[in-house]
Amino acid sequence: MNTQSATLPADTAAIPELRLKRGEDRRLSAGHLWVFSNEVDTARTPLTAFQPGSLCRVVSDRDKFLGYGYVNPHSLISARLLGRDPDFLPGKSLIVHRLQVAQSLRRSLYEQPYYRVAYGESDGLPGLVLDRFGDVIVGQIATAGMEALKGPIEEAVKKVLAPSAMLWKNDSGARELEGLPSYVEPAFGEVPDVVTVEEGGVAFQVPLTAGQKTGWFFDQAANRLALRKYVGGARVLDVFSYLGAWGVGALKAGATEVTCVDSSATALENLQASAKMNGLKPAVLRGDAFDVMESLHAERRRFDVVVIDPPAFIKRRKDIPKGEAAYKRLNQLALQLIERDGILVSCSCSYHLEPDSLVNAIQRASRHVSRFVQIVEVGGQAPDHPIHPAIPETRYLKTFFCRTVQE
């Protein structure tokens, strides 16, 4: 793929202009970072003149400088802003600055080096995610513009974070929309196959190259710790368990029995290895979550706490009706497995599912099985995933802690 060289022009005039139509600068002026293709004045600055990933100067129809960005003429989001200071060109120095600001927040929040260092748009680095696993960084690029800046990103990571190794886990589906290839490769250093994450006094074995996403779901960390006050002496079912962060953590917090369900044999093997390291013994069931839950119901198994933390059922707006039906069915199956007075933890990472829609799915599911549900606690993404107030897409995680009683 042809992308811009990481070598940046010294003269800002050499950076081509991307001009917006009349009135289309309002959203950017309000703080958003995205330019949609229908907002571009293509008569004066045709998108076809740009290579995917090339830098641009975004200006209004009145010649007002709005910021430096990068362009992908083949994407609905045709440009994303990297900076608004006309004297601060995108490149290594800008990325170093962004990472220093991002790292200062994480350092104030976390005693141990296990967190998301950079969360895309919310940290002024649209299209880039960086996760920290102690001395190893895992990065994920979703856009052509960030792919073009891969070299400067690596140099900035070395300067600010000084890790021993970095892995690019560039295999997300979002890359297809940008015309980018899928690959997993070391950026530098000796990248281990497995790293360790510590959360709430529990050590977890995390596979990097073979793991989901960047290997670990830091976004649920605060909610997993919040669960612990509900699990003392409880029987817990952890559905879509992946590496067992919910379930193994519950055992550590005093649950008497934990069953973890996942379809991945590799995930369950790592889960069991982590549990053994901590002297804990959860039960594991491999299979499709819906099928396993139906089987457990047929066996009249009951639990005091059920956690359902599925992958995104709704990835595009057109998937909303089908996805909402799946969330209702999932919550219904979970409620059937809960003891008369128990706790349901219902999660969704689907941005396109509104919080009220998930509440509605829980409520409809509870009425179907003649249960009364009280929402006792509401969680979102952990603070290493800060929300950009002008970009609602950065707020996606929903977690509801529900008390369920028999009517």
Protein backbone atom coordinates (compact mmCIF):
# COMPACT_ATOMS: atom_id res chain seq x y z
CA MET A 1 0.00 0.00 0.00
CA ASN A 2 1.28 3.48 -0.81
CA THR A 3 1.46 5.63 2.30
CA GLN A 4 3.35 8.76 3.10
CA SER A 5 6.96 8.48 4.20
CA ALA A 6 7.64 9.03 7.88
CA THR A 7 9.99 11.89 6.83
CA LEU A 8 7.96 15.08 7.25
CA PRO A 9 8.30 18.27 5.22
CA ALA A 10 10.07 21.11 7.00
CA ASP A 11 7.89 23.67 5.25
CA THR A 12 4.24 23.60 6.30
CA ALA A 13 3.30 24.98 2.89
CA ALA A 14 4.43 21.66 1.40
CA ILE A 15 1.64 19.89 3.25
CA PRO A 16 -1.43 19.77 0.97
CA GLU A 17 -4.67 21.41 1.97
CA LEU A 18 -7.96 19.64 2.64
CA ARG A 19 -10.75 22.20 2.44
CA LEU A 20 -14.17 21.74 4.03
CA LYS A 21 -17.51 22.85 2.68
CA ARG A 22 -19.26 25.87 4.11
CA GLY A 23 -20.36 25.28 7.72
CA GLU A 24 -18.71 21.87 8.00
CA ASP A 25 -16.07 23.14 10.43
CA ARG A 26 -18.48 23.43 13.38
CA ARG A 27 -18.00 19.90 14.66
CA LEU A 28 -14.20 20.14 14.48
CA SER A 29 -14.28 23.52 16.21
CA ALA A 30 -16.35 21.89 18.98
CA GLY A 31 -13.56 19.37 19.58
CA HIS A 32 -14.25 16.42 17.30
CA LEU A 33 -11.35 14.96 15.32
CA TRP A 34 -13.05 13.35 12.33
CA VAL A 35 -13.78 14.70 8.86
CA PHE A 36 -16.34 12.74 6.86
CA SER A 37 -16.03 12.48 3.10
CA ASN A 38 -19.28 14.41 2.46
CA GLU A 39 -17.87 17.38 4.42
CA VAL A 40 -14.93 17.89 2.07
CA ASP A 41 -15.03 20.48 -0.69
CA THR A 42 -13.89 18.00 -3.34
CA ALA A 43 -14.23 20.54 -6.12
CA ARG A 44 -11.33 22.54 -4.66
CA THR A 45 -9.46 19.76 -2.87
CA PRO A 46 -10.36 16.41 -4.46
CA LEU A 47 -9.86 13.44 -2.16
CA THR A 48 -8.52 11.46 -5.09
CA ALA A 49 -5.42 13.66 -5.01
CA PHE A 50 -4.37 12.11 -1.69
CA GLN A 51 -2.64 8.81 -1.02
CA PRO A 52 -4.00 6.80 1.95
CA GLY A 53 -2.23 7.97 5.10
CA SER A 54 -0.85 11.22 3.71
CA LEU A 55 -0.74 14.35 5.85
CA CYS A 56 -2.91 17.37 5.22
CA ARG A 57 -3.79 20.81 6.51
CA VAL A 58 -7.52 20.91 7.26
CA VAL A 59 -9.00 24.36 6.60
CA SER A 60 -12.47 25.82 6.59
CA ASP A 61 -14.19 27.39 3.60
CA ARG A 62 -13.00 30.74 5.01
CA ASP A 63 -9.34 29.68 5.08
CA LYS A 64 -9.28 29.13 8.84
CA PHE A 65 -6.65 26.58 9.85
CA LEU A 66 -8.40 23.79 11.79
CA GLY A 67 -5.53 21.38 12.30
CA TYR A 68 -3.11 18.91 10.82
CA GLY A 69 -4.55 15.53 9.99
CA TYR A 70 -4.09 12.48 7.86
CA VAL A 71 -6.25 11.40 4.94
CA ASN A 72 -7.72 8.20 3.59
CA PRO A 73 -9.72 8.96 0.43
CA HIS A 74 -11.24 5.46 0.45
CA SER A 75 -12.78 5.69 3.94
CA LEU A 76 -16.05 7.25 5.11
CA ILE A 77 -13.97 9.04 7.74
CA SER A 78 -11.75 10.73 5.19
CA ALA A 79 -9.49 12.58 7.63
CA ARG A 80 -8.61 12.62 11.34
CA LEU A 81 -6.95 15.48 13.17
CA LEU A 82 -3.61 14.94 14.91
CA GLY A 83 -2.99 18.45 16.18
CA ARG A 84 -4.38 21.99 16.11
CA ASP A 85 -1.16 23.97 16.64
CA PRO A 86 0.03 25.29 13.25
CA ASP A 87 3.63 25.33 14.50
CA PHE A 88 3.64 21.72 15.74
CA LEU A 89 3.85 19.32 12.83
CA PRO A 90 2.76 15.69 13.25
CA GLY A 91 5.72 13.38 13.74
CA LYS A 92 7.88 11.90 16.46
CA SER A 93 7.93 15.01 18.66
CA LEU A 94 4.14 15.32 18.62
CA ILE A 95 3.70 11.62 19.41
CA VAL A 96 6.27 11.90 22.24
CA HIS A 97 4.28 14.79 23.68
CA ARG A 98 0.98 12.89 23.40
CA LEU A 99 2.49 9.82 25.09
CA GLN A 100 4.00 11.89 27.90
CA VAL A 101 0.61 13.44 28.64
CA ALA A 102 -1.12 10.05 28.44
CA GLN A 103 1.49 8.34 30.61
CA SER A 104 1.25 11.02 33.31
CA LEU A 105 -2.44 10.15 33.76
CA ARG A 106 -1.82 6.40 33.93
CA ARG A 107 1.11 6.81 36.31
CA SER A 108 -1.14 8.72 38.71
CA LEU A 109 -3.85 6.03 38.52
CA TYR A 110 -1.94 2.75 38.61
CA GLU A 111 0.69 1.47 41.02
CA GLN A 112 1.74 -1.30 38.65
CA PRO A 113 2.57 -1.02 34.93
CA TYR A 114 -0.45 -2.84 33.55
CA TYR A 115 -2.84 -0.55 31.67
CA ARG A 116 -3.77 1.03 28.36
CA VAL A 117 -1.16 3.69 27.70
CA ALA A 118 -2.85 5.31 24.70
CA TYR A 119 -6.52 5.15 23.80
CA GLY A 120 -6.84 6.55 20.29
CA GLU A 121 -8.80 9.76 19.88
CA SER A 122 -9.14 10.26 23.64
CA ASP A 123 -5.36 10.67 23.90
CA GLY A 124 -4.98 12.69 20.70
CA LEU A 125 -3.69 9.69 18.74
CA PRO A 126 -6.60 8.65 16.50
CA GLY A 127 -6.28 5.12 15.20
CA LEU A 128 -3.64 4.02 17.73
CA VAL A 129 -3.92 1.84 20.82
CA LEU A 130 -0.99 0.98 23.10
CA ASP A 131 -1.22 -1.43 26.03
CA ARG A 132 1.45 -1.87 28.68
CA PHE A 133 2.37 -5.27 30.10
CA GLY A 134 5.21 -4.33 32.42
CA ASP A 135 8.27 -4.13 30.20
CA VAL A 136 6.42 -5.03 26.99
CA ILE A 137 4.20 -2.77 24.87
CA VAL A 138 1.53 -4.11 22.51
CA GLY A 139 0.33 -1.72 19.83
CA GLN A 140 -2.60 -1.82 17.46
CA ILE A 141 -3.05 0.48 14.46
CA ALA A 142 -6.48 0.87 12.83
CA THR A 143 -5.89 3.61 10.24
CA ALA A 144 -3.70 4.28 7.21
CA GLY A 145 -2.50 7.55 8.74
CA MET A 146 -1.11 5.86 11.82
CA GLU A 147 0.36 3.08 9.68
CA ALA A 148 2.34 5.78 7.84
CA LEU A 149 3.63 7.02 11.20
CA LYS A 150 4.60 3.58 12.50
CA GLY A 151 8.31 4.39 12.59
CA PRO A 152 7.90 7.63 14.59
CA ILE A 153 5.48 5.82 16.94
CA GLU A 154 8.09 3.17 17.70
CA GLU A 155 10.73 5.82 18.37
CA ALA A 156 8.35 7.75 20.62
CA VAL A 157 7.49 4.59 22.57
CA LYS A 158 11.20 3.93 23.14
CA LYS A 159 11.75 7.50 24.35
CA VAL A 160 8.75 7.81 26.68
CA LEU A 161 8.14 4.26 27.92
CA ALA A 162 11.56 2.61 27.40
CA PRO A 163 10.20 -0.95 27.14
CA SER A 164 12.40 -3.96 26.42
CA ALA A 165 10.14 -5.01 23.55
CA MET A 166 7.12 -3.99 21.49
CA LEU A 167 4.68 -6.07 19.46
CA TRP A 168 2.42 -4.86 16.68
CA LYS A 169 -0.89 -6.74 16.92
CA ASN A 170 -2.33 -5.33 13.71
CA ASP A 171 -5.01 -7.94 13.01
CA SER A 172 -8.24 -6.12 13.84
CA GLY A 173 -11.18 -6.07 11.45
CA ALA A 174 -11.14 -2.27 11.41
CA ARG A 175 -8.04 -2.34 9.22
CA GLU A 176 -10.01 -3.79 6.32
CA LEU A 177 -12.10 -0.62 6.16
CA GLU A 178 -8.88 1.35 5.69
CA GLY A 179 -7.46 -0.99 3.06
CA LEU A 180 -4.71 -2.18 5.40
CA PRO A 181 -3.24 -5.69 5.58
CA SER A 182 -3.52 -7.84 8.69
CA TYR A 183 -0.30 -8.85 10.44
CA VAL A 184 1.32 -9.54 13.80
CA GLU A 185 5.02 -8.73 14.11
CA PRO A 186 7.61 -7.51 16.62
CA ALA A 187 8.43 -3.81 16.41
CA PHE A 188 11.66 -4.22 18.38
CA GLY A 189 13.17 -6.34 21.13
CA GLU A 190 12.48 -9.95 22.10
CA VAL A 191 8.71 -10.27 22.41
CA PRO A 192 7.68 -13.16 24.69
CA ASP A 193 4.80 -15.45 23.75
CA VAL A 194 3.29 -14.97 27.20
CA VAL A 195 3.41 -12.12 29.70
CA THR A 196 2.00 -11.70 33.20
CA VAL A 197 -0.60 -9.18 34.31
CA GLU A 198 -1.40 -8.51 37.95
CA GLU A 199 -4.91 -7.42 38.88
CA GLY A 200 -6.26 -7.22 42.39
CA GLY A 201 -3.58 -9.47 43.83
CA VAL A 202 -3.97 -12.14 41.15
CA ALA A 203 -1.35 -12.94 38.50
CA PHE A 204 -2.72 -13.82 35.06
CA GLN A 205 -0.88 -15.49 32.19
CA VAL A 206 -1.59 -13.52 29.01
CA PRO A 207 -0.76 -14.79 25.50
CA LEU A 208 0.28 -11.97 23.21
CA THR A 209 0.49 -13.18 19.62
CA ALA A 210 -2.26 -15.80 20.12
CA GLY A 211 -4.50 -13.72 22.40
CA GLN A 212 -7.65 -11.74 21.66
CA LYS A 213 -7.24 -8.08 20.70
CA THR A 214 -4.05 -6.87 22.42
CA GLY A 215 -4.10 -9.85 24.80
CA TRP A 216 -5.99 -8.49 27.80
CA PHE A 217 -9.14 -6.44 28.39
CA PHE A 218 -7.99 -3.60 30.61
CA ASP A 219 -11.28 -1.74 30.05
CA GLN A 220 -13.16 -4.02 32.49
CA ALA A 221 -10.56 -3.85 35.28
CA ALA A 222 -12.50 -1.49 37.55
CA ASN A 223 -15.72 -3.47 37.10
CA ARG A 224 -13.97 -6.76 37.87
CA LEU A 225 -12.71 -5.31 41.14
CA ALA A 226 -16.21 -3.96 41.88
CA LEU A 227 -17.58 -7.50 41.53
CA ARG A 228 -15.57 -8.77 44.47
CA LYS A 229 -17.88 -7.37 47.13
CA TYR A 230 -20.70 -9.54 45.77
CA VAL A 231 -18.94 -12.92 45.65
CA GLY A 232 -18.01 -13.86 49.21
CA GLY A 233 -19.23 -17.43 49.77
CA ALA A 234 -20.93 -17.44 46.35
CA ARG A 235 -21.15 -19.86 43.46
CA VAL A 236 -20.07 -17.89 40.39
CA LEU A 237 -20.55 -18.51 36.67
CA ASP A 238 -18.19 -16.56 34.38
CA VAL A 239 -19.50 -16.70 30.79
CA PHE A 240 -17.26 -15.65 27.87
CA SER A 241 -14.49 -15.97 30.44
CA TYR A 242 -11.50 -15.68 28.07
CA LEU A 243 -8.54 -15.78 30.52
CA GLY A 244 -10.74 -15.84 33.61
CA ALA A 245 -10.27 -12.27 34.83
CA TRP A 246 -13.77 -12.19 36.33
CA GLY A 247 -13.92 -15.77 37.58
CA VAL A 248 -10.41 -16.28 38.92
CA GLY A 249 -10.63 -12.86 40.55
CA ALA A 250 -13.88 -13.94 42.20
CA LEU A 251 -12.19 -17.05 43.62
CA LYS A 252 -9.46 -14.85 45.06
CA ALA A 253 -12.15 -12.66 46.66
CA GLY A 254 -13.80 -15.59 48.47
CA ALA A 255 -16.19 -17.30 46.06
CA THR A 256 -16.67 -20.91 47.07
CA GLU A 257 -17.09 -22.22 43.52
CA VAL A 258 -16.38 -20.72 40.09
CA THR A 259 -17.21 -22.11 36.67
CA CYS A 260 -15.67 -20.46 33.60
CA VAL A 261 -17.16 -20.85 30.12
CA ASP A 262 -15.38 -20.08 26.85
CA SER A 263 -15.20 -21.50 23.33
CA SER A 264 -11.41 -21.20 23.07
CA ALA A 265 -9.33 -24.14 24.26
CA THR A 266 -6.21 -21.93 24.29
CA ALA A 267 -7.90 -19.33 26.48
CA LEU A 268 -9.04 -21.98 28.96
CA GLU A 269 -5.57 -23.53 29.08
CA ASN A 270 -4.08 -20.15 29.96
CA LEU A 271 -6.88 -19.60 32.48
CA GLN A 272 -6.09 -22.85 34.24
CA ALA A 273 -2.37 -22.08 34.23
CA SER A 274 -3.09 -18.69 35.84
CA ALA A 275 -5.35 -20.26 38.45
CA LYS A 276 -2.69 -22.84 39.31
CA MET A 277 -0.07 -20.08 39.75
CA ASN A 278 -2.37 -18.50 42.34
CA GLY A 279 -3.35 -21.75 44.08
CA LEU A 280 -6.93 -21.54 42.81
CA LYS A 281 -9.10 -24.18 41.14
CA PRO A 282 -12.01 -23.00 38.97
CA ALA A 283 -14.05 -25.43 36.89
CA VAL A 284 -13.95 -24.85 33.13
CA LEU A 285 -16.46 -25.66 30.40
CA ARG A 286 -15.55 -25.30 26.76
CA GLY A 287 -18.28 -24.55 24.25
CA ASP A 288 -20.62 -22.00 22.74
CA ALA A 289 -21.87 -19.80 25.58
CA PHE A 290 -25.54 -20.05 24.61
CA ASP A 291 -25.37 -23.84 24.28
CA VAL A 292 -23.50 -24.30 27.56
CA MET A 293 -25.95 -22.10 29.45
CA GLU A 294 -28.90 -24.04 28.05
CA SER A 295 -27.24 -27.29 29.12
CA LEU A 296 -26.60 -25.95 32.62
CA HIS A 297 -30.26 -24.95 32.88
CA ALA A 298 -31.35 -28.43 31.73
CA GLU A 299 -29.12 -29.88 34.45
CA ARG A 300 -30.83 -27.58 36.99
CA ARG A 301 -27.52 -25.96 37.91
CA ARG A 302 -27.84 -22.74 39.87
CA PHE A 303 -25.41 -19.97 40.76
CA ASP A 304 -25.43 -17.01 43.12
CA VAL A 305 -23.60 -14.73 40.67
CA VAL A 306 -23.58 -14.91 36.86
CA VAL A 307 -21.29 -12.68 34.78
CA ILE A 308 -21.93 -12.32 31.03
CA ASP A 309 -19.24 -10.34 29.24
CA PRO A 310 -19.71 -11.15 25.53
CA PRO A 311 -17.88 -9.82 22.48
CA ALA A 312 -19.64 -7.08 20.57
CA PHE A 313 -22.85 -8.44 19.07
CA ILE A 314 -23.43 -5.16 17.22
CA LYS A 315 -20.51 -3.98 15.10
CA ARG A 316 -22.52 -1.92 12.62
CA ARG A 317 -25.70 0.09 12.97
CA LYS A 318 -27.59 -2.28 10.69
CA ASP A 319 -26.88 -5.11 13.16
CA ILE A 320 -28.83 -3.43 15.99
CA PRO A 321 -32.12 -5.43 15.76
CA LYS A 322 -30.37 -8.80 15.58
CA GLY A 323 -27.89 -7.77 18.27
CA GLU A 324 -30.57 -6.56 20.68
CA ALA A 325 -32.33 -9.92 20.32
CA ALA A 326 -29.06 -11.71 21.13
CA TYR A 327 -28.53 -9.60 24.28
CA LYS A 328 -32.09 -10.34 25.43
CA ARG A 329 -31.63 -14.08 24.91
CA LEU A 330 -28.26 -14.07 26.65
CA ASN A 331 -29.64 -12.25 29.69
CA GLN A 332 -32.64 -14.56 29.79
CA LEU A 333 -30.40 -17.63 29.85
CA ALA A 334 -28.29 -16.06 32.59
CA LEU A 335 -31.29 -15.18 34.74
CA GLN A 336 -32.57 -18.76 34.54
CA LEU A 337 -29.33 -19.92 36.16
CA ILE A 338 -29.38 -17.49 39.09
CA GLU A 339 -30.56 -18.56 42.53
CA ARG A 340 -33.72 -16.94 43.90
CA ASP A 341 -31.80 -13.96 45.29
CA GLY A 342 -28.63 -13.49 43.26
CA ILE A 343 -26.52 -11.13 41.18
CA LEU A 344 -26.40 -10.72 37.40
CA VAL A 345 -23.50 -8.77 35.89
CA SER A 346 -24.52 -7.90 32.34
CA CYS A 347 -22.03 -6.26 29.99
CA SER A 348 -21.85 -4.96 26.46
CA CYS A 349 -18.90 -3.51 24.53
CA SER A 350 -21.07 -2.67 21.50
CA TYR A 351 -20.93 1.09 20.90
CA HIS A 352 -24.12 0.90 18.83
CA LEU A 353 -26.07 -0.54 21.77
CA GLU A 354 -27.35 2.34 23.88
CA PRO A 355 -27.19 1.84 27.68
CA ASP A 356 -30.99 2.10 27.89
CA SER A 357 -31.28 -0.63 25.24
CA LEU A 358 -29.22 -3.00 27.35
CA VAL A 359 -31.33 -2.14 30.40
CA ASN A 360 -34.42 -2.85 28.30
CA ALA A 361 -32.98 -6.22 27.24
CA ILE A 362 -32.33 -7.10 30.89
CA GLN A 363 -35.82 -6.01 31.93
CA ARG A 364 -37.58 -7.89 29.12
CA ALA A 365 -35.52 -10.99 29.89
CA SER A 366 -36.39 -10.78 33.58
CA ARG A 367 -40.12 -10.51 32.87
CA HIS A 368 -39.89 -13.53 30.55
CA VAL A 369 -38.61 -15.67 33.44
CA SER A 370 -40.81 -13.99 36.11
CA ARG A 371 -37.98 -12.24 37.87
CA PHE A 372 -37.72 -8.80 39.43
CA VAL A 373 -34.41 -7.04 38.75
CA GLN A 374 -32.86 -4.11 40.60
CA ILE A 375 -29.86 -2.31 39.13
CA VAL A 376 -27.59 -1.75 42.10
CA GLU A 377 -24.42 -0.55 40.39
CA VAL A 378 -23.46 0.80 36.96
CA GLY A 379 -19.95 0.56 35.52
CA GLY A 380 -18.17 1.77 32.42
CA GLN A 381 -14.69 1.56 31.03
CA ALA A 382 -11.70 1.93 33.34
CA PRO A 383 -9.98 5.34 33.57
CA ASP A 384 -7.14 4.24 31.27
CA HIS A 385 -9.86 4.40 28.59
CA PRO A 386 -10.86 8.07 29.05
CA ILE A 387 -13.90 9.36 27.21
CA HIS A 388 -13.50 12.23 24.75
CA PRO A 389 -16.55 14.44 25.49
CA ALA A 390 -16.88 15.52 21.85
CA ILE A 391 -16.59 11.98 20.48
CA PRO A 392 -19.34 9.67 21.78
CA GLU A 393 -17.71 6.74 19.96
CA THR A 394 -15.01 6.69 22.65
CA ARG A 395 -17.64 5.67 25.22
CA TYR A 396 -18.68 2.11 24.50
CA LEU A 397 -18.51 -0.16 27.56
CA LYS A 398 -21.63 -0.76 29.66
CA THR A 399 -21.74 -2.94 32.78
CA PHE A 400 -24.83 -3.35 34.97
CA PHE A 401 -24.75 -5.07 38.35
CA CYS A 402 -28.26 -6.35 38.95
CA ARG A 403 -29.89 -7.97 41.97
CA THR A 404 -32.46 -10.48 40.82
CA VAL A 405 -35.21 -11.90 43.00
CA GLN A 406 -38.03 -14.35 42.38
CA GLU A 407 -41.48 -12.77 42.32
